[in-house]
Protein backbone atom coordinates (compact mmCIF):
# COMPACT_ATOMS: atom_id res chain seq x y z
CA MET A 1 -41.72 -61.70 -18.23
CA HIS A 2 -37.96 -61.50 -17.80
CA TRP A 3 -36.45 -58.04 -17.55
CA SER A 4 -32.77 -57.34 -17.18
CA ALA A 5 -31.38 -53.97 -16.31
CA VAL A 6 -28.84 -52.31 -18.55
CA PHE A 7 -27.06 -50.71 -15.60
CA THR A 8 -26.58 -51.78 -12.00
CA GLU A 9 -28.03 -49.74 -9.14
CA ILE A 10 -24.64 -48.17 -8.44
CA GLN A 11 -24.14 -47.27 -12.11
CA TRP A 12 -27.57 -45.62 -12.21
CA THR A 13 -26.74 -43.66 -9.09
CA VAL A 14 -23.44 -42.48 -10.57
CA ILE A 15 -25.28 -41.44 -13.74
CA MET A 16 -27.93 -39.53 -11.76
CA ILE A 17 -25.32 -37.76 -9.62
CA SER A 18 -23.50 -36.78 -12.81
CA VAL A 19 -26.73 -35.49 -14.36
CA ALA A 20 -27.33 -33.43 -11.21
CA GLY A 21 -23.77 -32.09 -11.40
CA LEU A 22 -24.21 -31.09 -15.05
CA LEU A 23 -27.53 -29.38 -14.30
CA ASN A 24 -25.89 -27.42 -11.50
CA LEU A 25 -23.08 -26.35 -13.85
CA LEU A 26 -25.67 -25.19 -16.37
CA MET A 27 -27.44 -23.17 -13.69
CA ILE A 28 -24.16 -21.44 -12.82
CA TRP A 29 -23.14 -20.55 -16.35
CA THR A 30 -26.52 -19.87 -17.96
CA ARG A 31 -28.57 -18.38 -15.11
CA ASN A 32 -25.85 -16.97 -12.81
CA MET A 33 -27.29 -18.97 -9.91
CA ARG A 34 -24.32 -19.92 -7.75
CA GLU A 35 -26.64 -20.32 -4.79
CA PHE A 36 -28.58 -23.01 -6.64
CA ALA A 37 -25.36 -24.92 -7.25
CA SER A 38 -24.35 -24.48 -3.59
CA VAL A 39 -27.48 -26.39 -2.60
CA GLY A 40 -26.46 -29.05 -5.12
CA VAL A 41 -23.02 -29.27 -3.48
CA TRP A 42 -24.70 -29.64 -0.08
CA ALA A 43 -26.88 -32.50 -1.38
CA ILE A 44 -23.97 -34.28 -3.06
CA VAL A 45 -21.88 -33.98 0.11
CA ALA A 46 -24.77 -35.55 2.03
CA ILE A 47 -24.81 -38.49 -0.41
CA ALA A 48 -21.04 -38.89 -0.03
CA VAL A 49 -21.23 -38.83 3.76
CA ARG A 50 -24.02 -41.41 3.75
CA HIS A 51 -22.07 -43.86 1.60
CA TRP A 52 -18.51 -43.07 2.72
CA GLY A 53 -16.46 -46.23 3.10
CA LYS A 54 -19.30 -48.47 1.89
CA ILE A 55 -19.63 -47.71 -1.81
CA PRO A 56 -16.38 -46.24 -3.13
CA GLU A 57 -17.79 -45.52 -6.61
CA LEU A 58 -20.41 -43.20 -5.14
CA GLN A 59 -18.06 -41.59 -2.67
CA TRP A 60 -15.48 -40.66 -5.33
CA THR A 61 -18.11 -39.59 -7.85
CA CYS A 62 -19.45 -37.24 -5.20
CA VAL A 63 -15.98 -35.94 -4.36
CA LEU A 64 -15.35 -35.27 -8.05
CA TRP A 65 -18.60 -33.33 -8.50
CA VAL A 66 -18.17 -31.36 -5.30
CA ALA A 67 -14.70 -30.31 -6.48
CA VAL A 68 -15.94 -29.40 -9.98
CA LEU A 69 -18.96 -27.47 -8.70
CA GLY A 70 -16.94 -25.75 -5.98
CA ALA A 71 -14.34 -24.64 -8.51
CA ALA A 72 -17.05 -23.44 -10.92
CA ILE A 73 -18.81 -21.49 -8.16
CA MET A 74 -15.58 -19.79 -7.10
CA LEU A 75 -14.50 -19.04 -10.67
CA HIS A 76 -17.89 -17.57 -11.52
CA ALA A 77 -17.90 -15.51 -8.33
CA TYR A 78 -14.42 -14.18 -9.12
CA LYS A 79 -15.34 -13.30 -12.70
CA ASN A 80 -18.44 -11.44 -11.50
CA ARG A 81 -16.92 -9.85 -8.39
CA HIS A 82 -17.58 -6.32 -9.63
CA ALA A 83 -21.32 -6.97 -9.82
CA GLY A 84 -21.60 -8.36 -6.29
CA PRO A 85 -24.29 -7.15 -3.91
CA PHE A 86 -21.79 -5.69 -1.43
CA ARG A 87 -20.13 -3.28 -3.85
CA ARG A 88 -20.89 0.41 -3.53
CA ARG A 89 -22.75 1.55 -6.58
CA GLY A 90 -22.74 5.26 -6.07
CA PRO A 91 -22.20 8.10 -3.63
CA VAL A 92 -23.72 7.68 -0.21
CA GLY A 93 -25.26 10.74 1.35
CA ASN A 94 -28.41 12.43 2.45
CA ALA A 95 -31.09 12.67 -0.20
CA GLY A 96 -32.72 15.67 1.52
């Protein structure tokens, strides 16, 4: 049985990194989970470091997604800065 792949290994990897990037964007904008996307950035940076200088397609795909996710995380954090956990929500004083 002869089977030929539609995409090369590198093309599949680029597709999978892009799918991961899109999923992370969805988690930011639909679930407000910037932390989830930060872990995705960490993983994509690790892939870039592993293949830096060896497979340019992967390295630049990773750089692109890290930039996009980083910008999305910062934009979302800025837009929601008033709802952050470190904002004072009311008067501080003794309850007794």
